Amino acid sequence: MAMSAALARALVLACLTAFCAAAASGPYLDDPSRLQEIERSGLTFSEVVAGPAGAGLDNEALYRTPAYRSIVDSLAADLAALATTDPQLGASIKKPHRLFDAGWLRPPAARFELVNRMDRDAV
């Protein structure tokens, strides 16, 4: 039985929230060494979505898994539908209303990591 895309997204978000709540000692965790330790223990986005076989997968390989493909395709469809509502909305820097580019969710050069925000100093 196929899981609906909305249910799949909700399940992933619930799992990530639960794992992060268990891993963090406060409202957020920003210690790079602790984030790397958490990833090594199996809390990576790809492992949450695709199970242990997802460990270390880049986004192109992760897209070949049914769960992640469902999330990406659903999000891409939502973004495409949203783009039809506003001619100034788009993923281009030339558009005054910026839209997330779902293409970033599939390239082999990209993967998900627990990291500090880029606008904060790294240790």
PDB file of N, CA and C in Angstrom:
ATOM      1  N   MET A   1       0.857  -1.168   0.000  1.00  0.00           N
ATOM      2  CA  MET A   1       0.000   0.000   0.000  1.00  0.00           C
ATOM      3  C   MET A   1       0.910   1.240   0.000  1.00  0.00           C
ATOM      4  N   ALA A   2       0.680   2.152  -0.903  1.00  0.00           N
ATOM      5  CA  ALA A   2       1.507   3.348  -1.015  1.00  0.00           C
ATOM      6  C   ALA A   2       1.107   4.375   0.037  1.00  0.00           C
ATOM      7  N   MET A   3       2.117   4.998   0.620  1.00  0.00           N
ATOM      8  CA  MET A   3       1.884   6.030   1.611  1.00  0.00           C
ATOM      9  C   MET A   3       1.723   7.359   0.881  1.00  0.00           C
ATOM     10  N   SER A   4       0.762   8.158   1.275  1.00  0.00           N
ATOM     11  CA  SER A   4       0.568   9.431   0.593  1.00  0.00           C
ATOM     12  C   SER A   4       1.773  10.334   0.848  1.00  0.00           C
ATOM     13  N   ALA A   5       2.045  11.226  -0.080  1.00  0.00           N
ATOM     14  CA  ALA A   5       3.189  12.116   0.031  1.00  0.00           C
ATOM     15  C   ALA A   5       3.091  12.982   1.275  1.00  0.00           C
ATOM     16  N   ALA A   6       1.911  13.467   1.590  1.00  0.00           N
ATOM     17  CA  ALA A   6       1.748  14.311   2.778  1.00  0.00           C
ATOM     18  C   ALA A   6       2.042  13.525   4.043  1.00  0.00           C
ATOM     19  N   LEU A   7       1.598  12.296   4.097  1.00  0.00           N
ATOM     20  CA  LEU A   7       1.856  11.460   5.260  1.00  0.00           C
ATOM     21  C   LEU A   7       3.338  11.146   5.363  1.00  0.00           C
ATOM     22  N   ALA A   8       3.981  10.902   4.231  1.00  0.00           N
ATOM     23  CA  ALA A   8       5.420  10.629   4.229  1.00  0.00           C
ATOM     24  C   ALA A   8       6.192  11.825   4.759  1.00  0.00           C
ATOM     25  N   ARG A   9       5.822  13.029   4.300  1.00  0.00           N
ATOM     26  CA  ARG A   9       6.498  14.240   4.784  1.00  0.00           C
ATOM     27  C   ARG A   9       6.284  14.425   6.275  1.00  0.00           C
ATOM     28  N   ALA A  10       5.058  14.214   6.730  1.00  0.00           N
ATOM     29  CA  ALA A  10       4.748  14.371   8.156  1.00  0.00           C
ATOM     30  C   ALA A  10       5.534  13.371   8.987  1.00  0.00           C
ATOM     31  N   LEU A  11       5.665  12.156   8.508  1.00  0.00           N
ATOM     32  CA  LEU A  11       6.407  11.131   9.222  1.00  0.00           C
ATOM     33  C   LEU A  11       7.885  11.493   9.326  1.00  0.00           C
ATOM     34  N   VAL A  12       8.471  11.965   8.230  1.00  0.00           N
ATOM     35  CA  VAL A  12       9.876  12.368   8.248  1.00  0.00           C
ATOM     36  C   VAL A  12      10.085  13.517   9.224  1.00  0.00           C
ATOM     37  N   LEU A  13       9.221  14.511   9.170  1.00  0.00           N
ATOM     38  CA  LEU A  13       9.358  15.647  10.081  1.00  0.00           C
ATOM     39  C   LEU A  13       9.200  15.216  11.536  1.00  0.00           C
ATOM     40  N   ALA A  14       8.272  14.321  11.805  1.00  0.00           N
ATOM     41  CA  ALA A  14       8.078  13.835  13.177  1.00  0.00           C
ATOM     42  C   ALA A  14       9.310  13.087  13.665  1.00  0.00           C
ATOM     43  N   CYS A  15       9.875  12.252  12.805  1.00  0.00           N
ATOM     44  CA  CYS A  15      11.091  11.516  13.186  1.00  0.00           C
ATOM     45  C   CYS A  15      12.254  12.453  13.451  1.00  0.00           C
ATOM     46  N   LEU A  16      12.450  13.410  12.561  1.00  0.00           N
ATOM     47  CA  LEU A  16      13.548  14.359  12.742  1.00  0.00           C
ATOM     48  C   LEU A  16      13.368  15.168  14.020  1.00  0.00           C
ATOM     49  N   THR A  17      12.156  15.594  14.290  1.00  0.00           N
ATOM     50  CA  THR A  17      11.883  16.354  15.501  1.00  0.00           C
ATOM     51  C   THR A  17      12.187  15.523  16.738  1.00  0.00           C
ATOM     52  N   ALA A  18      11.751  14.275  16.736  1.00  0.00           N
ATOM     53  CA  ALA A  18      11.985  13.399  17.884  1.00  0.00           C
ATOM     54  C   ALA A  18      13.476  13.151  18.083  1.00  0.00           C
ATOM     55  N   PHE A  19      14.211  12.858  16.991  1.00  0.00           N
ATOM     56  CA  PHE A  19      15.635  12.613  17.107  1.00  0.00           C
ATOM     57  C   PHE A  19      16.373  13.853  17.594  1.00  0.00           C
ATOM     58  N   CYS A  20      16.025  15.004  17.046  1.00  0.00           N
ATOM     59  CA  CYS A  20      16.693  16.247  17.434  1.00  0.00           C
ATOM     60  C   CYS A  20      16.398  16.596  18.884  1.00  0.00           C
ATOM     61  N   ALA A  21      15.175  16.386  19.309  1.00  0.00           N
ATOM     62  CA  ALA A  21      14.813  16.670  20.697  1.00  0.00           C
ATOM     63  C   ALA A  21      15.605  15.778  21.642  1.00  0.00           C
ATOM     64  N   ALA A  22      15.791  14.529  21.266  1.00  0.00           N
ATOM     65  CA  ALA A  22      16.543  13.607  22.108  1.00  0.00           C
ATOM     66  C   ALA A  22      18.033  13.947  22.103  1.00  0.00           C
ATOM     67  N   ALA A  23      18.529  14.457  20.991  1.00  0.00           N
ATOM     68  CA  ALA A  23      19.959  14.727  20.864  1.00  0.00           C
ATOM     69  C   ALA A  23      20.373  16.065  21.468  1.00  0.00           C
ATOM     70  N   ALA A  24      19.488  17.013  21.482  1.00  0.00           N
ATOM     71  CA  ALA A  24      19.829  18.361  21.940  1.00  0.00           C
ATOM     72  C   ALA A  24      19.531  18.524  23.420  1.00  0.00           C
ATOM     73  N   SER A  25      20.380  19.294  24.074  1.00  0.00           N
ATOM     74  CA  SER A  25      20.158  19.550  25.494  1.00  0.00           C
ATOM     75  C   SER A  25      19.451  20.884  25.710  1.00  0.00           C
ATOM     76  N   GLY A  26      19.216  21.619  24.654  1.00  0.00           N
ATOM     77  CA  GLY A  26      18.535  22.908  24.746  1.00  0.00           C
ATOM     78  C   GLY A  26      17.664  23.098  23.532  1.00  0.00           C
ATOM     79  N   PRO A  27      17.240  24.349  23.293  1.00  0.00           N
ATOM     80  CA  PRO A  27      16.357  24.584  22.152  1.00  0.00           C
ATOM     81  C   PRO A  27      17.040  24.391  20.798  1.00  0.00           C
ATOM     82  N   TYR A  28      18.365  24.456  20.784  1.00  0.00           N
ATOM     83  CA  TYR A  28      19.093  24.188  19.546  1.00  0.00           C
ATOM     84  C   TYR A  28      20.472  23.660  19.895  1.00  0.00           C
ATOM     85  N   LEU A  29      21.098  23.039  18.937  1.00  0.00           N
ATOM     86  CA  LEU A  29      22.420  22.447  19.118  1.00  0.00           C
ATOM     87  C   LEU A  29      23.320  23.023  18.048  1.00  0.00           C
ATOM     88  N   ASP A  30      24.405  23.679  18.469  1.00  0.00           N
ATOM     89  CA  ASP A  30      25.265  24.309  17.470  1.00  0.00           C
ATOM     90  C   ASP A  30      26.745  23.961  17.619  1.00  0.00           C
ATOM     91  N   ASP A  31      27.060  22.960  18.404  1.00  0.00           N
ATOM     92  CA  ASP A  31      28.443  22.528  18.553  1.00  0.00           C
ATOM     93  C   ASP A  31      28.792  21.576  17.407  1.00  0.00           C
ATOM     94  N   PRO A  32      29.716  21.979  16.511  1.00  0.00           N
ATOM     95  CA  PRO A  32      30.032  21.148  15.339  1.00  0.00           C
ATOM     96  C   PRO A  32      30.471  19.735  15.695  1.00  0.00           C
ATOM     97  N   SER A  33      31.262  19.578  16.739  1.00  0.00           N
ATOM     98  CA  SER A  33      31.722  18.229  17.087  1.00  0.00           C
ATOM     99  C   SER A  33      30.559  17.365  17.566  1.00  0.00           C
ATOM    100  N   ARG A  34      29.615  17.952  18.290  1.00  0.00           N
ATOM    101  CA  ARG A  34      28.438  17.203  18.743  1.00  0.00           C
ATOM    102  C   ARG A  34      27.549  16.835  17.543  1.00  0.00           C
ATOM    103  N   LEU A  35      27.404  17.756  16.595  1.00  0.00           N
ATOM    104  CA  LEU A  35      26.611  17.470  15.398  1.00  0.00           C
ATOM    105  C   LEU A  35      27.226  16.312  14.604  1.00  0.00           C
ATOM    106  N   GLN A  36      28.551  16.304  14.485  1.00  0.00           N
ATOM    107  CA  GLN A  36      29.221  15.213  13.775  1.00  0.00           C
ATOM    108  C   GLN A  36      29.053  13.891  14.520  1.00  0.00           C
ATOM    109  N   GLU A  37      29.114  13.946  15.841  1.00  0.00           N
ATOM    110  CA  GLU A  37      28.904  12.743  16.655  1.00  0.00           C
ATOM    111  C   GLU A  37      27.492  12.189  16.451  1.00  0.00           C
ATOM    112  N   ILE A  38      26.524  13.080  16.413  1.00  0.00           N
ATOM    113  CA  ILE A  38      25.135  12.666  16.194  1.00  0.00           C
ATOM    114  C   ILE A  38      24.984  12.020  14.820  1.00  0.00           C
ATOM    115  N   GLU A  39      25.616  12.608  13.797  1.00  0.00           N
ATOM    116  CA  GLU A  39      25.557  12.011  12.462  1.00  0.00           C
ATOM    117  C   GLU A  39      26.198  10.630  12.443  1.00  0.00           C
ATOM    118  N   ARG A  40      27.345  10.490  13.101  1.00  0.00           N
ATOM    119  CA  ARG A  40      28.023   9.183  13.130  1.00  0.00           C
ATOM    120  C   ARG A  40      27.172   8.123  13.826  1.00  0.00           C
ATOM    121  N   SER A  41      26.297   8.551  14.740  1.00  0.00           N
ATOM    122  CA  SER A  41      25.453   7.586  15.451  1.00  0.00           C
ATOM    123  C   SER A  41      24.234   7.159  14.617  1.00  0.00           C
ATOM    124  N   GLY A  42      24.082   7.724  13.425  1.00  0.00           N
ATOM    125  CA  GLY A  42      23.008   7.296  12.540  1.00  0.00           C
ATOM    126  C   GLY A  42      21.909   8.312  12.317  1.00  0.00           C
ATOM    127  N   LEU A  43      22.041   9.491  12.916  1.00  0.00           N
ATOM    128  CA  LEU A  43      21.025  10.516  12.690  1.00  0.00           C
ATOM    129  C   LEU A  43      21.446  11.388  11.506  1.00  0.00           C
ATOM    130  N   THR A  44      21.198  10.850  10.333  1.00  0.00           N
ATOM    131  CA  THR A  44      21.379  11.634   9.116  1.00  0.00           C
ATOM    132  C   THR A  44      20.033  11.645   8.415  1.00  0.00           C
ATOM    133  N   PHE A  45      19.794  12.678   7.662  1.00  0.00           N
ATOM    134  CA  PHE A  45      18.523  12.766   6.949  1.00  0.00           C
ATOM    135  C   PHE A  45      18.329  11.551   6.051  1.00  0.00           C
ATOM    136  N   SER A  46      19.393  11.167   5.346  1.00  0.00           N
ATOM    137  CA  SER A  46      19.266  10.045   4.408  1.00  0.00           C
ATOM    138  C   SER A  46      18.962   8.737   5.133  1.00  0.00           C
ATOM    139  N   GLU A  47      19.502   8.540   6.335  1.00  0.00           N
ATOM    140  CA  GLU A  47      19.206   7.317   7.082  1.00  0.00           C
ATOM    141  C   GLU A  47      17.795   7.342   7.665  1.00  0.00           C
ATOM    142  N   VAL A  48      17.329   8.520   8.060  1.00  0.00           N
ATOM    143  CA  VAL A  48      15.958   8.619   8.570  1.00  0.00           C
ATOM    144  C   VAL A  48      14.970   8.320   7.449  1.00  0.00           C
ATOM    145  N   VAL A  49      15.252   8.825   6.258  1.00  0.00           N
ATOM    146  CA  VAL A  49      14.339   8.648   5.129  1.00  0.00           C
ATOM    147  C   VAL A  49      14.460   7.258   4.506  1.00  0.00           C
ATOM    148  N   ALA A  50      15.687   6.778   4.303  1.00  0.00           N
ATOM    149  CA  ALA A  50      15.894   5.533   3.557  1.00  0.00           C
ATOM    150  C   ALA A  50      16.366   4.370   4.425  1.00  0.00           C
ATOM    151  N   GLY A  51      16.485   4.568   5.711  1.00  0.00           N
ATOM    152  CA  GLY A  51      16.974   3.500   6.581  1.00  0.00           C
ATOM    153  C   GLY A  51      18.487   3.396   6.508  1.00  0.00           C
ATOM    154  N   PRO A  52      19.064   2.384   7.147  1.00  0.00           N
ATOM    155  CA  PRO A  52      20.523   2.238   7.185  1.00  0.00           C
ATOM    156  C   PRO A  52      21.171   2.222   5.807  1.00  0.00           C
ATOM    157  N   ALA A  53      20.466   1.740   4.802  1.00  0.00           N
ATOM    158  CA  ALA A  53      21.018   1.717   3.443  1.00  0.00           C
ATOM    159  C   ALA A  53      21.220   3.127   2.893  1.00  0.00           C
ATOM    160  N   GLY A  54      20.593   4.124   3.512  1.00  0.00           N
ATOM    161  CA  GLY A  54      20.718   5.497   3.052  1.00  0.00           C
ATOM    162  C   GLY A  54      21.960   6.208   3.555  1.00  0.00           C
ATOM    163  N   ALA A  55      22.718   5.570   4.438  1.00  0.00           N
ATOM    164  CA  ALA A  55      23.899   6.200   5.021  1.00  0.00           C
ATOM    165  C   ALA A  55      24.857   6.682   3.940  1.00  0.00           C
ATOM    166  N   GLY A  56      25.177   7.961   3.982  1.00  0.00           N
ATOM    167  CA  GLY A  56      26.164   8.532   3.084  1.00  0.00           C
ATOM    168  C   GLY A  56      25.704   8.791   1.661  1.00  0.00           C
ATOM    169  N   LEU A  57      24.429   8.588   1.369  1.00  0.00           N
ATOM    170  CA  LEU A  57      23.960   8.804  -0.001  1.00  0.00           C
ATOM    171  C   LEU A  57      23.921  10.286  -0.356  1.00  0.00           C
ATOM    172  N   ASP A  58      24.329  10.601  -1.583  1.00  0.00           N
ATOM    173  CA  ASP A  58      24.144  11.957  -2.077  1.00  0.00           C
ATOM    174  C   ASP A  58      22.683  12.086  -2.526  1.00  0.00           C
ATOM    175  N   ASN A  59      22.282  13.288  -2.867  1.00  0.00           N
ATOM    176  CA  ASN A  59      20.870  13.512  -3.192  1.00  0.00           C
ATOM    177  C   ASN A  59      20.419  12.784  -4.458  1.00  0.00           C
ATOM    178  N   GLU A  60      21.302  12.603  -5.414  1.00  0.00           N
ATOM    179  CA  GLU A  60      20.922  11.872  -6.623  1.00  0.00           C
ATOM    180  C   GLU A  60      20.616  10.409  -6.280  1.00  0.00           C
ATOM    181  N   ALA A  61      21.485   9.788  -5.485  1.00  0.00           N
ATOM    182  CA  ALA A  61      21.265   8.392  -5.086  1.00  0.00           C
ATOM    183  C   ALA A  61      20.060   8.295  -4.154  1.00  0.00           C
ATOM    184  N   LEU A  62      19.921   9.255  -3.265  1.00  0.00           N
ATOM    185  CA  LEU A  62      18.786   9.258  -2.345  1.00  0.00           C
ATOM    186  C   LEU A  62      17.467   9.393  -3.110  1.00  0.00           C
ATOM    187  N   TYR A  63      17.484  10.135  -4.211  1.00  0.00           N
ATOM    188  CA  TYR A  63      16.275  10.317  -5.027  1.00  0.00           C
ATOM    189  C   TYR A  63      15.799   8.993  -5.629  1.00  0.00           C
ATOM    190  N   ARG A  64      16.676   8.040  -5.745  1.00  0.00           N
ATOM    191  CA  ARG A  64      16.282   6.727  -6.278  1.00  0.00           C
ATOM    192  C   ARG A  64      15.521   5.891  -5.244  1.00  0.00           C
ATOM    193  N   THR A  65      15.472   6.352  -3.988  1.00  0.00           N
ATOM    194  CA  THR A  65      14.690   5.625  -2.980  1.00  0.00           C
ATOM    195  C   THR A  65      13.252   6.129  -3.028  1.00  0.00           C
ATOM    196  N   PRO A  66      12.279   5.249  -2.882  1.00  0.00           N
ATOM    197  CA  PRO A  66      10.874   5.652  -3.000  1.00  0.00           C
ATOM    198  C   PRO A  66      10.449   6.735  -2.000  1.00  0.00           C
ATOM    199  N   ALA A  67      10.904   6.646  -0.770  1.00  0.00           N
ATOM    200  CA  ALA A  67      10.472   7.615   0.252  1.00  0.00           C
ATOM    201  C   ALA A  67      10.953   9.028  -0.083  1.00  0.00           C
ATOM    202  N   TYR A  68      12.233   9.160  -0.403  1.00  0.00           N
ATOM    203  CA  TYR A  68      12.772  10.489  -0.708  1.00  0.00           C
ATOM    204  C   TYR A  68      12.189  11.015  -2.018  1.00  0.00           C
ATOM    205  N   ARG A  69      12.071  10.138  -3.021  1.00  0.00           N
ATOM    206  CA  ARG A  69      11.483  10.565  -4.299  1.00  0.00           C
ATOM    207  C   ARG A  69      10.076  11.106  -4.073  1.00  0.00           C
ATOM    208  N   SER A  70       9.311  10.458  -3.215  1.00  0.00           N
ATOM    209  CA  SER A  70       7.954  10.907  -2.900  1.00  0.00           C
ATOM    210  C   SER A  70       7.969  12.301  -2.282  1.00  0.00           C
ATOM    211  N   ILE A  71       8.888  12.528  -1.357  1.00  0.00           N
ATOM    212  CA  ILE A  71       8.998  13.840  -0.708  1.00  0.00           C
ATOM    213  C   ILE A  71       9.372  14.910  -1.729  1.00  0.00           C
ATOM    214  N   VAL A  72      10.411  14.638  -2.524  1.00  0.00           N
ATOM    215  CA  VAL A  72      10.902  15.616  -3.505  1.00  0.00           C
ATOM    216  C   VAL A  72       9.854  15.897  -4.576  1.00  0.00           C
ATOM    217  N   ASP A  73       9.244  14.857  -5.103  1.00  0.00           N
ATOM    218  CA  ASP A  73       8.254  15.053  -6.162  1.00  0.00           C
ATOM    219  C   ASP A  73       7.034  15.821  -5.650  1.00  0.00           C
ATOM    220  N   SER A  74       6.622  15.533  -4.434  1.00  0.00           N
ATOM    221  CA  SER A  74       5.489  16.249  -3.849  1.00  0.00           C
ATOM    222  C   SER A  74       5.834  17.720  -3.630  1.00  0.00           C
ATOM    223  N   LEU A  75       7.025  17.970  -3.092  1.00  0.00           N
ATOM    224  CA  LEU A  75       7.459  19.348  -2.873  1.00  0.00           C
ATOM    225  C   LEU A  75       7.594  20.092  -4.197  1.00  0.00           C
ATOM    226  N   ALA A  76       8.180  19.440  -5.198  1.00  0.00           N
ATOM    227  CA  ALA A  76       8.339  20.075  -6.517  1.00  0.00           C
ATOM    228  C   ALA A  76       6.979  20.410  -7.128  1.00  0.00           C
ATOM    229  N   ALA A  77       6.015  19.515  -6.975  1.00  0.00           N
ATOM    230  CA  ALA A  77       4.669  19.779  -7.498  1.00  0.00           C
ATOM    231  C   ALA A  77       4.024  20.953  -6.761  1.00  0.00           C
ATOM    232  N   ASP A  78       4.201  20.999  -5.445  1.00  0.00           N
ATOM    233  CA  ASP A  78       3.657  22.118  -4.665  1.00  0.00           C
ATOM    234  C   ASP A  78       4.283  23.445  -5.101  1.00  0.00           C
ATOM    235  N   LEU A  79       5.599  23.441  -5.316  1.00  0.00           N
ATOM    236  CA  LEU A  79       6.289  24.658  -5.730  1.00  0.00           C
ATOM    237  C   LEU A  79       5.858  25.086  -7.132  1.00  0.00           C
ATOM    238  N   ALA A  80       5.703  24.127  -8.032  1.00  0.00           N
ATOM    239  CA  ALA A  80       5.252  24.439  -9.395  1.00  0.00           C
ATOM    240  C   ALA A  80       3.851  25.031  -9.372  1.00  0.00           C
ATOM    241  N   ALA A  81       2.981  24.461  -8.550  1.00  0.00           N
ATOM    242  CA  ALA A  81       1.616  24.995  -8.442  1.00  0.00           C
ATOM    243  C   ALA A  81       1.642  26.404  -7.863  1.00  0.00           C
ATOM    244  N   LEU A  82       2.481  26.614  -6.877  1.00  0.00           N
ATOM    245  CA  LEU A  82       2.597  27.938  -6.267  1.00  0.00           C
ATOM    246  C   LEU A  82       3.104  28.961  -7.284  1.00  0.00           C
ATOM    247  N   ALA A  83       4.051  28.554  -8.108  1.00  0.00           N
ATOM    248  CA  ALA A  83       4.626  29.460  -9.111  1.00  0.00           C
ATOM    249  C   ALA A  83       3.582  29.943 -10.110  1.00  0.00           C
ATOM    250  N   THR A  84       2.540  29.159 -10.341  1.00  0.00           N
ATOM    251  CA  THR A  84       1.504  29.575 -11.289  1.00  0.00           C
ATOM    252  C   THR A  84       0.607  30.669 -10.718  1.00  0.00           C
ATOM    253  N   THR A  85       0.692  30.908  -9.412  1.00  0.00           N
ATOM    254  CA  THR A  85      -0.177  31.908  -8.779  1.00  0.00           C
ATOM    255  C   THR A  85       0.411  33.313  -8.790  1.00  0.00           C
ATOM    256  N   ASP A  86       1.702  33.419  -9.099  1.00  0.00           N
ATOM    257  CA  ASP A  86       2.370  34.726  -9.035  1.00  0.00           C
ATOM    258  C   ASP A  86       3.429  34.798 -10.130  1.00  0.00           C
ATOM    259  N   PRO A  87       3.249  35.645 -11.159  1.00  0.00           N
ATOM    260  CA  PRO A  87       4.220  35.726 -12.245  1.00  0.00           C
ATOM    261  C   PRO A  87       5.585  36.263 -11.796  1.00  0.00           C
ATOM    262  N   GLN A  88       5.653  36.876 -10.620  1.00  0.00           N
ATOM    263  CA  GLN A  88       6.924  37.395 -10.115  1.00  0.00           C
ATOM    264  C   GLN A  88       7.649  36.381  -9.231  1.00  0.00           C
ATOM    265  N   LEU A  89       7.058  35.214  -9.058  1.00  0.00           N
ATOM    266  CA  LEU A  89       7.618  34.174  -8.201  1.00  0.00           C
ATOM    267  C   LEU A  89       8.415  33.189  -9.034  1.00  0.00           C
ATOM    268  N   GLY A  90       9.656  32.916  -8.623  1.00  0.00           N
ATOM    269  CA  GLY A  90      10.480  31.953  -9.336  1.00  0.00           C
ATOM    270  C   GLY A  90      11.770  31.682  -8.601  1.00  0.00           C
ATOM    271  N   ALA A  91      12.491  30.670  -9.045  1.00  0.00           N
ATOM    272  CA  ALA A  91      13.743  30.274  -8.394  1.00  0.00           C
ATOM    273  C   ALA A  91      14.931  31.113  -8.854  1.00  0.00           C
ATOM    274  N   SER A  92      14.735  31.961  -9.823  1.00  0.00           N
ATOM    275  CA  SER A  92      15.809  32.788 -10.366  1.00  0.00           C
ATOM    276  C   SER A  92      16.048  34.025  -9.500  1.00  0.00           C
ATOM    277  N   ILE A  93      17.290  34.452  -9.443  1.00  0.00           N
ATOM    278  CA  ILE A  93      17.647  35.696  -8.733  1.00  0.00           C
ATOM    279  C   ILE A  93      16.988  36.894  -9.407  1.00  0.00           C
ATOM    280  N   LYS A  94      16.592  36.724 -10.656  1.00  0.00           N
ATOM    281  CA  LYS A  94      15.946  37.806 -11.401  1.00  0.00           C
ATOM    282  C   LYS A  94      14.488  38.004 -11.010  1.00  0.00           C
ATOM    283  N   LYS A  95      13.928  37.041 -10.295  1.00  0.00           N
ATOM    284  CA  LYS A  95      12.534  37.141  -9.863  1.00  0.00           C
ATOM    285  C   LYS A  95      12.464  37.898  -8.538  1.00  0.00           C
ATOM    286  N   PRO A  96      11.567  38.863  -8.411  1.00  0.00           N
ATOM    287  CA  PRO A  96      11.473  39.628  -7.161  1.00  0.00           C
ATOM    288  C   PRO A  96      10.914  38.805  -5.995  1.00  0.00           C
ATOM    289  N   HIS A  97      10.139  37.786  -6.298  1.00  0.00           N
ATOM    290  CA  HIS A  97       9.611  36.902  -5.253  1.00  0.00           C
ATOM    291  C   HIS A  97      10.317  35.557  -5.408  1.00  0.00           C
ATOM    292  N   ARG A  98      11.201  35.248  -4.464  1.00  0.00           N
ATOM    293  CA  ARG A  98      12.040  34.059  -4.588  1.00  0.00           C
ATOM    294  C   ARG A  98      11.309  32.790  -4.177  1.00  0.00           C
ATOM    295  N   LEU A  99      11.529  31.741  -4.945  1.00  0.00           N
ATOM    296  CA  LEU A  99      10.949  30.429  -4.711  1.00  0.00           C
ATOM    297  C   LEU A  99      12.093  29.424  -4.600  1.00  0.00           C
ATOM    298  N   PHE A 100      11.978  28.511  -3.664  1.00  0.00           N
ATOM    299  CA  PHE A 100      12.997  27.478  -3.515  1.00  0.00           C
ATOM    300  C   PHE A 100      13.115  26.676  -4.808  1.00  0.00           C
ATOM    301  N   ASP A 101      14.333  26.408  -5.231  1.00  0.00           N
ATOM    302  CA  ASP A 101      14.590  25.620  -6.438  1.00  0.00           C
ATOM    303  C   ASP A 101      14.680  24.143  -6.043  1.00  0.00           C
ATOM    304  N   ALA A 102      13.643  23.378  -6.337  1.00  0.00           N
ATOM    305  CA  ALA A 102      13.594  21.967  -5.965  1.00  0.00           C
ATOM    306  C   ALA A 102      14.693  21.157  -6.650  1.00  0.00           C
ATOM    307  N   GLY A 103      15.296  21.702  -7.685  1.00  0.00           N
ATOM    308  CA  GLY A 103      16.399  21.020  -8.350  1.00  0.00           C
ATOM    309  C   GLY A 103      17.581  20.772  -7.421  1.00  0.00           C
ATOM    310  N   TRP A 104      17.696  21.563  -6.377  1.00  0.00           N
ATOM    311  CA  TRP A 104      18.778  21.383  -5.406  1.00  0.00           C
ATOM    312  C   TRP A 104      18.617  20.093  -4.607  1.00  0.00           C
ATOM    313  N   LEU A 105      17.474  19.472  -4.685  1.00  0.00           N
ATOM    314  CA  LEU A 105      17.221  18.260  -3.905  1.00  0.00           C
ATOM    315  C   LEU A 105      17.642  16.985  -4.634  1.00  0.00           C
ATOM    316  N   ARG A 106      18.191  17.122  -5.863  1.00  0.00           N
ATOM    317  CA  ARG A 106      18.528  15.934  -6.646  1.00  0.00           C
ATOM    318  C   ARG A 106      19.972  15.821  -7.134  1.00  0.00           C
ATOM    319  N   PRO A 107      20.816  16.820  -7.085  1.00  0.00           N
ATOM    320  CA  PRO A 107      22.139  16.673  -7.715  1.00  0.00           C
ATOM    321  C   PRO A 107      23.085  15.758  -6.926  1.00  0.00           C
ATOM    322  N   PRO A 108      23.987  15.078  -7.650  1.00  0.00           N
ATOM    323  CA  PRO A 108      24.925  14.184  -6.978  1.00  0.00           C
ATOM    324  C   PRO A 108      25.945  14.927  -6.110  1.00  0.00           C
ATOM    325  N   ALA A 109      26.142  16.207  -6.344  1.00  0.00           N
ATOM    326  CA  ALA A 109      27.111  16.970  -5.567  1.00  0.00           C
ATOM    327  C   ALA A 109      26.535  17.474  -4.241  1.00  0.00           C
ATOM    328  N   ALA A 110      25.269  17.173  -3.968  1.00  0.00           N
ATOM    329  CA  ALA A 110      24.639  17.666  -2.748  1.00  0.00           C
ATOM    330  C   ALA A 110      24.206  16.509  -1.852  1.00  0.00           C
ATOM    331  N   ARG A 111      24.261  16.765  -0.550  1.00  0.00           N
ATOM    332  CA  ARG A 111      23.734  15.818   0.425  1.00  0.00           C
ATOM    333  C   ARG A 111      23.374  16.600   1.678  1.00  0.00           C
ATOM    334  N   PHE A 112      22.609  15.993   2.530  1.00  0.00           N
ATOM    335  CA  PHE A 112      22.188  16.642   3.761  1.00  0.00           C
ATOM    336  C   PHE A 112      23.190  16.359   4.865  1.00  0.00           C
ATOM    337  N   GLU A 113      23.494  17.395   5.657  1.00  0.00           N
ATOM    338  CA  GLU A 113      24.376  17.247   6.812  1.00  0.00           C
ATOM    339  C   GLU A 113      23.829  18.066   7.970  1.00  0.00           C
ATOM    340  N   LEU A 114      24.119  17.612   9.185  1.00  0.00           N
ATOM    341  CA  LEU A 114      23.864  18.435  10.360  1.00  0.00           C
ATOM    342  C   LEU A 114      25.079  19.336  10.508  1.00  0.00           C
ATOM    343  N   VAL A 115      24.913  20.603  10.285  1.00  0.00           N
ATOM    344  CA  VAL A 115      26.032  21.534  10.369  1.00  0.00           C
ATOM    345  C   VAL A 115      25.587  22.824  11.027  1.00  0.00           C
ATOM    346  N   ASN A 116      26.572  23.606  11.415  1.00  0.00           N
ATOM    347  CA  ASN A 116      26.266  24.950  11.900  1.00  0.00           C
ATOM    348  C   ASN A 116      25.727  25.777  10.736  1.00  0.00           C
ATOM    349  N   ARG A 117      24.937  26.763  11.061  1.00  0.00           N
ATOM    350  CA  ARG A 117      24.514  27.696  10.020  1.00  0.00           C
ATOM    351  C   ARG A 117      25.737  28.421   9.494  1.00  0.00           C
ATOM    352  N   MET A 118      25.722  28.729   8.220  1.00  0.00           N
ATOM    353  CA  MET A 118      26.871  29.371   7.591  1.00  0.00           C
ATOM    354  C   MET A 118      27.099  30.786   8.102  1.00  0.00           C
ATOM    355  N   ASP A 119      26.073  31.398   8.691  1.00  0.00           N
ATOM    356  CA  ASP A 119      26.238  32.764   9.165  1.00  0.00           C
ATOM    357  C   ASP A 119      26.729  32.822  10.613  1.00  0.00           C
ATOM    358  N   ARG A 120      27.096  31.674  11.171  1.00  0.00           N
ATOM    359  CA  ARG A 120      27.663  31.619  12.520  1.00  0.00           C
ATOM    360  C   ARG A 120      29.100  31.177  12.423  1.00  0.00           C
ATOM    361  N   ASP A 121      29.910  31.579  13.374  1.00  0.00           N
ATOM    362  CA  ASP A 121      31.297  31.151  13.406  1.00  0.00           C
ATOM    363  C   ASP A 121      31.386  29.669  13.698  1.00  0.00           C
ATOM    364  N   ALA A 122      32.188  28.962  12.923  1.00  0.00           N
ATOM    365  CA  ALA A 122      32.422  27.534  13.155  1.00  0.00           C
ATOM    366  C   ALA A 122      33.603  27.376  14.100  1.00  0.00           C
ATOM    367  N   VAL A 123      33.574  26.323  14.857  1.00  0.00           N
ATOM    368  CA  VAL A 123      34.668  26.069  15.806  1.00  0.00           C
ATOM    369  C   VAL A 123      35.810  25.407  15.087  1.00  0.00           C
TER     370      VAL A 123
END
